Amino acid sequence: MVLLVWQFDKEVAEDVNTFQCHPKQIMEDQKDGTLIVRFRTGGFKEMCWHLFTWGKHVKILAPQELEDYYEDMIDTTVGNS
């Protein structure tokens, strides 16, 4: 299991607060209006599908392997590889 950490822009933070990515997720409202979501999981593919939902409004803070996997999926989807 790997710890995932995502940061959502304030524009979508309210919506994300009502969304469950994982049963054991921890949500942390930030002073700047963004939202940090943390949880442990083993499957990157399903997590990337969730990330696509939020588009440019989510940033992967950890792990780097998930960010790399996500970028590869985007490249494959748009035909860059």
N, C-alpha and C. Protein backbone atom coordinates (compact mmCIF):
# COMPACT_ATOMS: atom_id res chain seq x y z
N MET A 1 0.84 -1.18 0.00
CA MET A 1 0.00 0.00 0.00
C MET A 1 0.88 1.25 0.00
N VAL A 2 0.44 2.23 -0.75
CA VAL A 2 1.19 3.47 -0.91
C VAL A 2 0.33 4.64 -0.43
N LEU A 3 0.95 5.59 0.24
CA LEU A 3 0.24 6.79 0.67
C LEU A 3 0.11 7.74 -0.51
N LEU A 4 -1.12 8.10 -0.85
CA LEU A 4 -1.39 9.08 -1.89
C LEU A 4 -1.76 10.39 -1.22
N VAL A 5 -1.26 11.48 -1.79
CA VAL A 5 -1.59 12.81 -1.28
C VAL A 5 -1.92 13.69 -2.48
N TRP A 6 -3.15 14.19 -2.48
CA TRP A 6 -3.61 15.06 -3.56
C TRP A 6 -4.00 16.41 -2.98
N GLN A 7 -3.78 17.47 -3.78
CA GLN A 7 -4.22 18.80 -3.37
C GLN A 7 -5.20 19.32 -4.43
N PHE A 8 -6.38 19.71 -3.97
CA PHE A 8 -7.42 20.21 -4.85
C PHE A 8 -7.53 21.72 -4.73
N ASP A 9 -7.70 22.39 -5.87
CA ASP A 9 -7.89 23.83 -5.90
C ASP A 9 -9.15 24.23 -5.13
N LYS A 10 -9.16 25.47 -4.66
CA LYS A 10 -10.32 25.95 -3.91
C LYS A 10 -11.58 25.97 -4.76
N GLU A 11 -11.45 26.05 -6.09
CA GLU A 11 -12.62 26.07 -6.96
C GLU A 11 -13.43 24.77 -6.90
N VAL A 12 -12.78 23.67 -6.54
CA VAL A 12 -13.47 22.37 -6.49
C VAL A 12 -13.50 21.77 -5.09
N ALA A 13 -12.90 22.43 -4.12
CA ALA A 13 -12.77 21.87 -2.77
C ALA A 13 -14.11 21.48 -2.16
N GLU A 14 -15.13 22.30 -2.34
CA GLU A 14 -16.44 21.99 -1.77
C GLU A 14 -17.02 20.71 -2.38
N ASP A 15 -16.88 20.56 -3.70
CA ASP A 15 -17.36 19.34 -4.36
C ASP A 15 -16.57 18.12 -3.90
N VAL A 16 -15.26 18.27 -3.79
CA VAL A 16 -14.42 17.14 -3.38
C VAL A 16 -14.77 16.70 -1.96
N ASN A 17 -15.15 17.64 -1.12
CA ASN A 17 -15.53 17.31 0.26
C ASN A 17 -16.70 16.34 0.33
N THR A 18 -17.50 16.25 -0.73
CA THR A 18 -18.64 15.34 -0.76
C THR A 18 -18.34 14.06 -1.54
N PHE A 19 -17.11 13.91 -2.03
CA PHE A 19 -16.71 12.79 -2.87
C PHE A 19 -15.82 11.84 -2.08
N GLN A 20 -16.09 10.56 -2.18
CA GLN A 20 -15.26 9.59 -1.47
C GLN A 20 -14.41 8.81 -2.47
N CYS A 21 -13.12 9.09 -2.45
CA CYS A 21 -12.16 8.35 -3.28
C CYS A 21 -11.82 7.02 -2.64
N HIS A 22 -11.80 7.03 -1.32
CA HIS A 22 -11.38 5.84 -0.56
C HIS A 22 -12.08 5.87 0.80
N PRO A 23 -12.50 4.71 1.33
CA PRO A 23 -13.21 4.68 2.62
C PRO A 23 -12.40 5.23 3.79
N LYS A 24 -11.09 5.18 3.71
CA LYS A 24 -10.26 5.65 4.83
C LYS A 24 -9.53 6.95 4.52
N GLN A 25 -10.06 7.73 3.58
CA GLN A 25 -9.40 8.98 3.22
C GLN A 25 -9.47 9.99 4.36
N ILE A 26 -8.48 10.84 4.41
CA ILE A 26 -8.42 11.93 5.38
C ILE A 26 -8.41 13.23 4.57
N MET A 27 -9.33 14.13 4.90
CA MET A 27 -9.43 15.41 4.20
C MET A 27 -9.00 16.53 5.14
N GLU A 28 -8.19 17.43 4.60
CA GLU A 28 -7.67 18.54 5.39
C GLU A 28 -7.91 19.85 4.65
N ASP A 29 -8.85 20.66 5.16
CA ASP A 29 -9.07 21.99 4.59
C ASP A 29 -7.87 22.86 4.90
N GLN A 30 -7.40 23.58 3.89
CA GLN A 30 -6.25 24.46 4.05
C GLN A 30 -6.70 25.91 4.17
N LYS A 31 -5.90 26.74 4.79
CA LYS A 31 -6.25 28.15 4.99
C LYS A 31 -6.45 28.90 3.69
N ASP A 32 -5.77 28.46 2.62
CA ASP A 32 -5.89 29.13 1.32
C ASP A 32 -7.10 28.65 0.52
N GLY A 33 -7.93 27.78 1.11
CA GLY A 33 -9.13 27.30 0.45
C GLY A 33 -8.96 25.99 -0.30
N THR A 34 -7.71 25.54 -0.45
CA THR A 34 -7.47 24.26 -1.09
C THR A 34 -7.79 23.13 -0.12
N LEU A 35 -7.79 21.92 -0.65
CA LEU A 35 -8.12 20.75 0.16
C LEU A 35 -7.07 19.67 -0.10
N ILE A 36 -6.51 19.11 0.96
CA ILE A 36 -5.57 18.00 0.86
C ILE A 36 -6.33 16.71 1.19
N VAL A 37 -6.16 15.70 0.35
CA VAL A 37 -6.78 14.39 0.59
C VAL A 37 -5.65 13.36 0.65
N ARG A 38 -5.68 12.52 1.70
CA ARG A 38 -4.66 11.48 1.90
C ARG A 38 -5.35 10.13 2.13
N PHE A 39 -4.75 9.09 1.55
CA PHE A 39 -5.20 7.73 1.83
C PHE A 39 -4.19 6.75 1.26
N ARG A 40 -4.27 5.52 1.71
CA ARG A 40 -3.38 4.47 1.23
C ARG A 40 -4.13 3.56 0.28
N THR A 41 -3.46 3.18 -0.81
CA THR A 41 -4.04 2.29 -1.80
C THR A 41 -2.94 1.57 -2.55
N GLY A 42 -3.32 0.58 -3.31
CA GLY A 42 -2.34 -0.17 -4.10
C GLY A 42 -2.54 -0.04 -5.59
N GLY A 43 -3.68 0.53 -6.02
CA GLY A 43 -3.99 0.58 -7.45
C GLY A 43 -3.91 1.97 -8.04
N PHE A 44 -2.92 2.19 -8.89
CA PHE A 44 -2.76 3.50 -9.51
C PHE A 44 -3.78 3.76 -10.62
N LYS A 45 -4.13 2.73 -11.37
CA LYS A 45 -5.01 2.94 -12.53
C LYS A 45 -6.35 3.53 -12.12
N GLU A 46 -6.99 2.94 -11.13
CA GLU A 46 -8.28 3.45 -10.67
C GLU A 46 -8.14 4.86 -10.11
N MET A 47 -7.05 5.13 -9.41
CA MET A 47 -6.84 6.46 -8.84
C MET A 47 -6.68 7.49 -9.95
N CYS A 48 -6.03 7.12 -11.04
CA CYS A 48 -5.87 8.04 -12.17
C CYS A 48 -7.22 8.37 -12.80
N TRP A 49 -8.13 7.40 -12.83
CA TRP A 49 -9.48 7.69 -13.33
C TRP A 49 -10.13 8.77 -12.47
N HIS A 50 -9.95 8.68 -11.16
CA HIS A 50 -10.49 9.72 -10.27
C HIS A 50 -9.83 11.07 -10.57
N LEU A 51 -8.53 11.06 -10.79
CA LEU A 51 -7.82 12.30 -11.08
C LEU A 51 -8.32 12.96 -12.35
N PHE A 52 -8.62 12.17 -13.38
CA PHE A 52 -9.17 12.72 -14.63
C PHE A 52 -10.45 13.51 -14.37
N THR A 53 -11.23 13.07 -13.40
CA THR A 53 -12.49 13.75 -13.07
C THR A 53 -12.25 15.21 -12.71
N TRP A 54 -11.15 15.47 -12.03
CA TRP A 54 -10.90 16.82 -11.50
C TRP A 54 -9.99 17.64 -12.40
N GLY A 55 -9.44 17.02 -13.44
CA GLY A 55 -8.65 17.76 -14.43
C GLY A 55 -7.54 18.60 -13.83
N LYS A 56 -7.49 19.85 -14.26
CA LYS A 56 -6.41 20.75 -13.85
C LYS A 56 -6.55 21.23 -12.40
N HIS A 57 -7.62 20.84 -11.73
CA HIS A 57 -7.88 21.32 -10.37
C HIS A 57 -7.30 20.42 -9.28
N VAL A 58 -6.53 19.41 -9.66
CA VAL A 58 -5.91 18.54 -8.67
C VAL A 58 -4.43 18.39 -8.98
N LYS A 59 -3.64 18.35 -7.92
CA LYS A 59 -2.20 18.17 -8.04
C LYS A 59 -1.80 16.95 -7.20
N ILE A 60 -0.97 16.11 -7.77
CA ILE A 60 -0.46 14.94 -7.05
C ILE A 60 0.76 15.40 -6.25
N LEU A 61 0.66 15.33 -4.93
CA LEU A 61 1.79 15.70 -4.07
C LEU A 61 2.66 14.48 -3.76
N ALA A 62 2.05 13.30 -3.73
CA ALA A 62 2.81 12.07 -3.47
C ALA A 62 1.96 10.88 -3.89
N PRO A 63 2.59 9.83 -4.31
CA PRO A 63 4.00 9.61 -4.57
C PRO A 63 4.36 10.02 -6.01
N GLN A 64 5.62 10.19 -6.25
CA GLN A 64 6.09 10.54 -7.58
C GLN A 64 5.70 9.47 -8.61
N GLU A 65 5.68 8.21 -8.19
CA GLU A 65 5.32 7.12 -9.10
C GLU A 65 3.90 7.28 -9.64
N LEU A 66 2.99 7.77 -8.82
CA LEU A 66 1.63 8.01 -9.30
C LEU A 66 1.61 9.14 -10.31
N GLU A 67 2.34 10.19 -10.04
CA GLU A 67 2.40 11.31 -10.99
C GLU A 67 2.96 10.84 -12.33
N ASP A 68 4.01 10.03 -12.30
CA ASP A 68 4.59 9.49 -13.54
C ASP A 68 3.58 8.62 -14.28
N TYR A 69 2.88 7.76 -13.55
CA TYR A 69 1.87 6.87 -14.14
C TYR A 69 0.75 7.70 -14.78
N TYR A 70 0.31 8.73 -14.08
CA TYR A 70 -0.75 9.61 -14.56
C TYR A 70 -0.33 10.32 -15.85
N GLU A 71 0.88 10.85 -15.87
CA GLU A 71 1.39 11.53 -17.06
C GLU A 71 1.49 10.57 -18.24
N ASP A 72 1.91 9.33 -17.99
CA ASP A 72 1.95 8.32 -19.04
C ASP A 72 0.57 8.02 -19.58
N MET A 73 -0.43 7.93 -18.70
CA MET A 73 -1.81 7.69 -19.15
C MET A 73 -2.31 8.84 -20.01
N ILE A 74 -2.00 10.06 -19.62
CA ILE A 74 -2.41 11.22 -20.41
C ILE A 74 -1.75 11.19 -21.78
N ASP A 75 -0.44 10.94 -21.81
CA ASP A 75 0.28 10.88 -23.08
C ASP A 75 -0.29 9.81 -24.00
N THR A 76 -0.61 8.66 -23.43
CA THR A 76 -1.17 7.55 -24.21
C THR A 76 -2.56 7.93 -24.72
N THR A 77 -3.34 8.57 -23.90
CA THR A 77 -4.71 8.94 -24.26
C THR A 77 -4.75 9.97 -25.38
N VAL A 78 -3.86 10.94 -25.34
CA VAL A 78 -3.86 11.98 -26.38
C VAL A 78 -2.95 11.65 -27.54
N GLY A 79 -2.30 10.48 -27.47
CA GLY A 79 -1.48 10.02 -28.59
C GLY A 79 -0.09 10.59 -28.68
N ASN A 80 0.49 10.96 -27.54
CA ASN A 80 1.84 11.52 -27.53
C ASN A 80 2.92 10.46 -27.38
N SER A 81 2.55 9.18 -27.27
CA SER A 81 3.59 8.15 -27.12
C SER A 81 3.25 6.94 -27.96
